[in-house]
C-alpha atoms as a PDB file:
ATOM      1  CA  MET A   1       0.000   0.000   0.000  1.00  0.00           C
ATOM      2  CA  GLN A   2       1.258   3.477  -0.926  1.00  0.00           C
ATOM      3  CA  LEU A   3       0.510   6.579   1.153  1.00  0.00           C
ATOM      4  CA  LEU A   4       1.307  10.171   0.315  1.00  0.00           C
ATOM      5  CA  ALA A   5       2.140  12.248   3.377  1.00  0.00           C
ATOM      6  CA  ILE A   6       1.703  15.979   2.779  1.00  0.00           C
ATOM      7  CA  SER A   7       3.419  18.465   5.038  1.00  0.00           C
ATOM      8  CA  GLY A   8       1.524  21.709   5.455  1.00  0.00           C
ATOM      9  CA  SER A   9       4.739  23.565   6.207  1.00  0.00           C
ATOM     10  CA  ALA A  10       7.097  25.161   3.720  1.00  0.00           C
ATOM     11  CA  ARG A  11       9.822  25.429   6.387  1.00  0.00           C
ATOM     12  CA  ALA A  12      12.952  23.341   5.748  1.00  0.00           C
ATOM     13  CA  ALA A  13      13.233  22.329   9.427  1.00  0.00           C
ATOM     14  CA  SER A  14       9.511  21.685   9.846  1.00  0.00           C
ATOM     15  CA  THR A  15       8.481  19.534  12.792  1.00  0.00           C
ATOM     16  CA  ASN A  16       5.449  18.378  10.786  1.00  0.00           C
ATOM     17  CA  THR A  17       7.675  17.210   7.943  1.00  0.00           C
ATOM     18  CA  ALA A  18       9.956  15.527  10.488  1.00  0.00           C
ATOM     19  CA  LEU A  19       6.941  13.705  11.941  1.00  0.00           C
ATOM     20  CA  LEU A  20       5.900  12.474   8.496  1.00  0.00           C
ATOM     21  CA  ARG A  21       9.466  11.323   7.773  1.00  0.00           C
ATOM     22  CA  ALA A  22       9.546   9.501  11.124  1.00  0.00           C
ATOM     23  CA  LEU A  23       6.292   7.726  10.224  1.00  0.00           C
ATOM     24  CA  GLN A  24       7.862   6.869   6.868  1.00  0.00           C
ATOM     25  CA  HIS A  25      10.813   5.374   8.739  1.00  0.00           C
ATOM     26  CA  ILE A  26       8.703   3.202  11.064  1.00  0.00           C
ATOM     27  CA  ALA A  27       6.035   2.197   8.542  1.00  0.00           C
ATOM     28  CA  PRO A  28       5.123  -1.481   8.849  1.00  0.00           C
ATOM     29  CA  ALA A  29       6.015  -3.940   6.096  1.00  0.00           C
ATOM     30  CA  GLY A  30       3.813  -3.523   3.053  1.00  0.00           C
ATOM     31  CA  LEU A  31       3.178   0.175   3.714  1.00  0.00           C
ATOM     32  CA  ALA A  32       5.244   2.731   1.818  1.00  0.00           C
ATOM     33  CA  ILE A  33       4.995   6.420   2.667  1.00  0.00           C
ATOM     34  CA  GLU A  34       6.159   9.136   0.286  1.00  0.00           C
ATOM     35  CA  VAL A  35       6.572  12.572   1.873  1.00  0.00           C
ATOM     36  CA  PHE A  36       5.555  15.681  -0.096  1.00  0.00           C
ATOM     37  CA  HIS A  37       7.103  18.789   1.436  1.00  0.00           C
ATOM     38  CA  ASP A  38       7.394  21.155  -1.493  1.00  0.00           C
ATOM     39  CA  LEU A  39       4.379  23.432  -1.132  1.00  0.00           C
ATOM     40  CA  ALA A  40       6.555  26.409  -2.055  1.00  0.00           C
ATOM     41  CA  ALA A  41       6.942  25.023  -5.595  1.00  0.00           C
ATOM     42  CA  LEU A  42       3.210  25.303  -6.272  1.00  0.00           C
ATOM     43  CA  PRO A  43       2.078  28.529  -7.915  1.00  0.00           C
ATOM     44  CA  VAL A  44      -0.869  30.382  -6.433  1.00  0.00           C
ATOM     45  CA  PHE A  45      -4.080  28.659  -7.496  1.00  0.00           C
ATOM     46  CA  SER A  46      -5.952  30.177 -10.413  1.00  0.00           C
ATOM     47  CA  PRO A  47      -8.867  28.537 -12.242  1.00  0.00           C
ATOM     48  CA  ASP A  48      -7.428  30.137 -15.387  1.00  0.00           C
ATOM     49  CA  LEU A  49      -4.467  27.745 -15.119  1.00  0.00           C
ATOM     50  CA  GLU A  50      -6.466  24.522 -14.892  1.00  0.00           C
ATOM     51  CA  GLY A  51      -6.790  21.993 -17.689  1.00  0.00           C
ATOM     52  CA  ALA A  52      -4.158  22.174 -20.398  1.00  0.00           C
ATOM     53  CA  LEU A  53      -2.474  25.119 -18.661  1.00  0.00           C
ATOM     54  CA  THR A  54      -1.941  23.348 -15.317  1.00  0.00           C
ATOM     55  CA  PRO A  55       1.630  24.090 -14.152  1.00  0.00           C
ATOM     56  CA  ALA A  56       4.084  21.170 -14.009  1.00  0.00           C
ATOM     57  CA  PRO A  57       4.557  21.263 -10.189  1.00  0.00           C
ATOM     58  CA  VAL A  58       0.788  20.958  -9.764  1.00  0.00           C
ATOM     59  CA  LEU A  59       0.607  18.064 -12.218  1.00  0.00           C
ATOM     60  CA  ALA A  60       3.374  16.313 -10.269  1.00  0.00           C
ATOM     61  CA  LEU A  61       1.395  16.687  -7.019  1.00  0.00           C
ATOM     62  CA  VAL A  62      -1.784  15.490  -8.735  1.00  0.00           C
ATOM     63  CA  GLN A  63       0.041  12.393 -10.026  1.00  0.00           C
ATOM     64  CA  GLN A  64       1.326  11.650  -6.518  1.00  0.00           C
ATOM     65  CA  VAL A  65      -2.182  12.007  -5.087  1.00  0.00           C
ATOM     66  CA  GLN A  66      -3.612   9.797  -7.815  1.00  0.00           C
ATOM     67  CA  ALA A  67      -1.007   7.071  -7.244  1.00  0.00           C
ATOM     68  CA  ALA A  68      -1.524   7.008  -3.477  1.00  0.00           C
ATOM     69  CA  ASP A  69      -3.970   4.714  -1.716  1.00  0.00           C
ATOM     70  CA  GLY A  70      -4.425   7.384   0.941  1.00  0.00           C
ATOM     71  CA  LEU A  71      -3.189  10.759   2.169  1.00  0.00           C
ATOM     72  CA  LEU A  72      -1.756  11.716   5.533  1.00  0.00           C
ATOM     73  CA  ILE A  73      -1.625  15.435   6.237  1.00  0.00           C
ATOM     74  CA  SER A  74       0.385  17.116   8.975  1.00  0.00           C
ATOM     75  CA  SER A  75       0.284  20.869   9.283  1.00  0.00           C
ATOM     76  CA  PRO A  76       1.264  23.681  11.601  1.00  0.00           C
ATOM     77  CA  GLU A  77      -1.147  26.414  12.584  1.00  0.00           C
ATOM     78  CA  TYR A  78      -0.387  29.925  11.317  1.00  0.00           C
ATOM     79  CA  VAL A  79      -2.295  32.735  13.014  1.00  0.00           C
ATOM     80  CA  ARG A  80      -4.942  30.236  14.186  1.00  0.00           C
ATOM     81  CA  ALA A  81      -5.603  29.103  10.613  1.00  0.00           C
ATOM     82  CA  LEU A  82      -4.432  26.868   7.779  1.00  0.00           C
ATOM     83  CA  PRO A  83      -1.071  27.808   6.294  1.00  0.00           C
ATOM     84  CA  GLY A  84      -1.540  29.456   2.914  1.00  0.00           C
ATOM     85  CA  GLY A  85       0.654  26.924   1.121  1.00  0.00           C
ATOM     86  CA  LEU A  86      -1.434  23.960   2.287  1.00  0.00           C
ATOM     87  CA  LYS A  87      -4.697  25.686   1.447  1.00  0.00           C
ATOM     88  CA  ASN A  88      -3.247  26.513  -1.976  1.00  0.00           C
ATOM     89  CA  ALA A  89      -2.370  22.833  -2.584  1.00  0.00           C
ATOM     90  CA  ILE A  90      -5.889  21.799  -1.599  1.00  0.00           C
ATOM     91  CA  ASP A  91      -7.324  24.485  -3.876  1.00  0.00           C
ATOM     92  CA  TRP A  92      -5.402  22.958  -6.791  1.00  0.00           C
ATOM     93  CA  LEU A  93      -6.928  19.558  -5.999  1.00  0.00           C
ATOM     94  CA  VAL A  94     -10.502  20.571  -5.190  1.00  0.00           C
ATOM     95  CA  SER A  95     -11.871  20.657  -8.734  1.00  0.00           C
ATOM     96  CA  ARG A  96     -10.112  17.442  -9.730  1.00  0.00           C
ATOM     97  CA  GLU A  97     -11.306  13.846  -9.465  1.00  0.00           C
ATOM     98  CA  GLU A  98      -8.141  12.486  -7.824  1.00  0.00           C
ATOM     99  CA  ILE A  99      -9.055  13.583  -4.296  1.00  0.00           C
ATOM    100  CA  ILE A 100     -12.824  13.008  -4.231  1.00  0.00           C
ATOM    101  CA  GLN A 101     -12.710   9.393  -2.970  1.00  0.00           C
ATOM    102  CA  LYS A 102      -9.178   9.504  -1.546  1.00  0.00           C
ATOM    103  CA  PRO A 103      -8.925   8.362   2.083  1.00  0.00           C
ATOM    104  CA  VAL A 104      -7.385  11.095   4.246  1.00  0.00           C
ATOM    105  CA  ALA A 105      -6.306  11.244   7.890  1.00  0.00           C
ATOM    106  CA  LEU A 106      -4.467  13.816   9.971  1.00  0.00           C
ATOM    107  CA  VAL A 107      -1.357  13.721  12.091  1.00  0.00           C
ATOM    108  CA  HIS A 108      -0.258  16.693  14.149  1.00  0.00           C
ATOM    109  CA  ALA A 109       3.109  17.560  15.674  1.00  0.00           C
ATOM    110  CA  SER A 110       1.912  19.933  18.386  1.00  0.00           C
ATOM    111  CA  HIS A 111      -0.225  20.171  21.480  1.00  0.00           C
ATOM    112  CA  ARG A 112      -1.620  23.395  19.981  1.00  0.00           C
ATOM    113  CA  GLY A 113      -3.402  24.144  16.728  1.00  0.00           C
ATOM    114  CA  ASP A 114      -7.016  23.243  17.422  1.00  0.00           C
ATOM    115  CA  ASP A 115      -8.387  26.144  15.340  1.00  0.00           C
ATOM    116  CA  MET A 116      -6.348  25.096  12.303  1.00  0.00           C
ATOM    117  CA  LEU A 117      -7.317  21.462  12.809  1.00  0.00           C
ATOM    118  CA  ALA A 118     -11.010  22.401  12.911  1.00  0.00           C
ATOM    119  CA  ASP A 119     -10.605  24.383   9.671  1.00  0.00           C
ATOM    120  CA  LEU A 120      -8.639  21.584   8.022  1.00  0.00           C
ATOM    121  CA  ARG A 121     -11.237  18.993   9.042  1.00  0.00           C
ATOM    122  CA  ARG A 122     -14.002  21.155   7.558  1.00  0.00           C
ATOM    123  CA  VAL A 123     -12.100  21.664   4.308  1.00  0.00           C
ATOM    124  CA  LEU A 124     -11.143  17.993   3.940  1.00  0.00           C
ATOM    125  CA  SER A 125     -14.645  16.739   4.672  1.00  0.00           C
ATOM    126  CA  THR A 126     -15.755  19.000   1.820  1.00  0.00           C
ATOM    127  CA  VAL A 127     -13.205  17.828  -0.772  1.00  0.00           C
ATOM    128  CA  THR A 128     -13.217  14.078  -0.118  1.00  0.00           C
ATOM    129  CA  ALA A 129     -15.939  11.685   0.915  1.00  0.00           C
ATOM    130  CA  GLN A 130     -13.238   9.546   2.562  1.00  0.00           C
ATOM    131  CA  PHE A 131     -11.874  11.941   5.183  1.00  0.00           C
ATOM    132  CA  ASN A 132     -11.685  10.010   8.442  1.00  0.00           C
ATOM    133  CA  SER A 133     -11.768  12.440  11.355  1.00  0.00           C
ATOM    134  CA  ASP A 134     -11.638   9.546  13.842  1.00  0.00           C
ATOM    135  CA  LEU A 135      -8.154   8.512  12.730  1.00  0.00           C
ATOM    136  CA  PHE A 136      -5.816  11.085  14.244  1.00  0.00           C
ATOM    137  CA  LEU A 137      -2.304  10.955  15.645  1.00  0.00           C
ATOM    138  CA  ARG A 138      -1.216  13.925  17.765  1.00  0.00           C
ATOM    139  CA  LEU A 139       2.220  14.139  19.324  1.00  0.00           C
ATOM    140  CA  PRO A 140       3.647  17.119  21.252  1.00  0.00           C
ATOM    141  CA  LEU A 141       6.821  17.596  19.210  1.00  0.00           C
ATOM    142  CA  MET A 142       7.034  21.370  18.799  1.00  0.00           C
ATOM    143  CA  LYS A 143      10.580  22.714  18.495  1.00  0.00           C
ATOM    144  CA  GLU A 144      12.121  19.229  18.353  1.00  0.00           C
ATOM    145  CA  SER A 145      14.812  18.563  15.765  1.00  0.00           C
ATOM    146  CA  ALA A 146      14.188  16.029  13.008  1.00  0.00           C
ATOM    147  CA  ALA A 147      16.579  13.580  14.716  1.00  0.00           C
ATOM    148  CA  SER A 148      14.753  14.007  18.002  1.00  0.00           C
ATOM    149  CA  VAL A 149      11.354  13.522  16.351  1.00  0.00           C
ATOM    150  CA  LEU A 150      12.561  10.262  14.807  1.00  0.00           C
ATOM    151  CA  GLN A 151      13.938   9.131  18.167  1.00  0.00           C
ATOM    152  CA  ILE A 152      10.645   9.962  19.929  1.00  0.00           C
ATOM    153  CA  VAL A 153       8.448   8.288  17.300  1.00  0.00           C
ATOM    154  CA  SER A 154      10.718   5.221  17.262  1.00  0.00           C
ATOM    155  CA  GLY A 155      10.824   5.074  21.054  1.00  0.00           C
ATOM    156  CA  ALA A 156       8.975   2.654  23.295  1.00  0.00           C
ATOM    157  CA  GLU A 157       6.347   5.193  24.426  1.00  0.00           C
ATOM    158  CA  VAL A 158       5.183   6.424  21.002  1.00  0.00           C
ATOM    159  CA  TYR A 159       6.066   3.607  18.592  1.00  0.00           C
ATOM    160  CA  PRO A 160       3.085   1.342  19.457  1.00  0.00           C
ATOM    161  CA  GLU A 161       0.615   4.221  19.091  1.00  0.00           C
ATOM    162  CA  ALA A 162       2.169   5.351  15.796  1.00  0.00           C
ATOM    163  CA  GLN A 163       2.208   1.781  14.449  1.00  0.00           C
ATOM    164  CA  GLN A 164      -1.439   1.276  15.429  1.00  0.00           C
ATOM    165  CA  PHE A 165      -2.386   4.553  13.744  1.00  0.00           C
ATOM    166  CA  LEU A 166      -0.635   3.521  10.518  1.00  0.00           C
ATOM    167  CA  GLN A 167      -2.196   0.043  10.604  1.00  0.00           C
ATOM    168  CA  ASP A 168      -5.658   1.498  11.230  1.00  0.00           C
ATOM    169  CA  PHE A 169      -5.270   3.983   8.384  1.00  0.00           C
ATOM    170  CA  ALA A 170      -4.011   1.264   6.021  1.00  0.00           C
ATOM    171  CA  THR A 171      -7.072  -0.824   6.916  1.00  0.00           C
ATOM    172  CA  PHE A 172      -9.314   2.180   6.272  1.00  0.00           C
ATOM    173  CA  CYS A 173      -7.653   2.766   2.902  1.00  0.00           C
ATOM    174  CA  GLY A 174      -8.106  -0.899   1.966  1.00  0.00           C
ATOM    175  CA  CYS A 175     -11.793  -0.795   2.892  1.00  0.00           C
ATOM    176  CA  ALA A 176     -12.294   2.440   0.943  1.00  0.00           C
ATOM    177  CA  ARG A 177     -10.636   0.917  -2.116  1.00  0.00           C
ATOM    178  CA  THR A 178     -12.937  -2.117  -2.127  1.00  0.00           C
ATOM    179  CA  ALA A 179     -16.113  -0.096  -1.452  1.00  0.00           C
END
């Protein structure tokens, strides 16, 4: 099974990206996770650029979404809202077929961010019929380095919870695919 993990941060040292990479590292056998962390490469959404004029970076993201059995999204909160880059990526996908039935779940690398998470849940439940708000992994990792995030996620306290989350999401994706 192939998952696409989208980081909602454009920051090079993003804790959310580090969390997704840690999940990629501990993914159980049979589950591959590709991390997309290049929101800055996407031009600002414009309906005038859809169809034959769709920019190459957007087409690359669309192909990754299409190839994935499910999407994991991890995002910081900026000014109590969705980061512009993540919202822009979703805007590029919203009028396309690739996301409509795509299973989606959230992971979050902070003890804060409830306003952004509420907004993101509302947006995702609008763009895909397969958003699963019950599957959610939240870890208080703010300001941790990527190496520290990997160590925490791989450690005895978090590893079982992270593994269970990934297994549960893979099961959800499998059920969605057969439905």
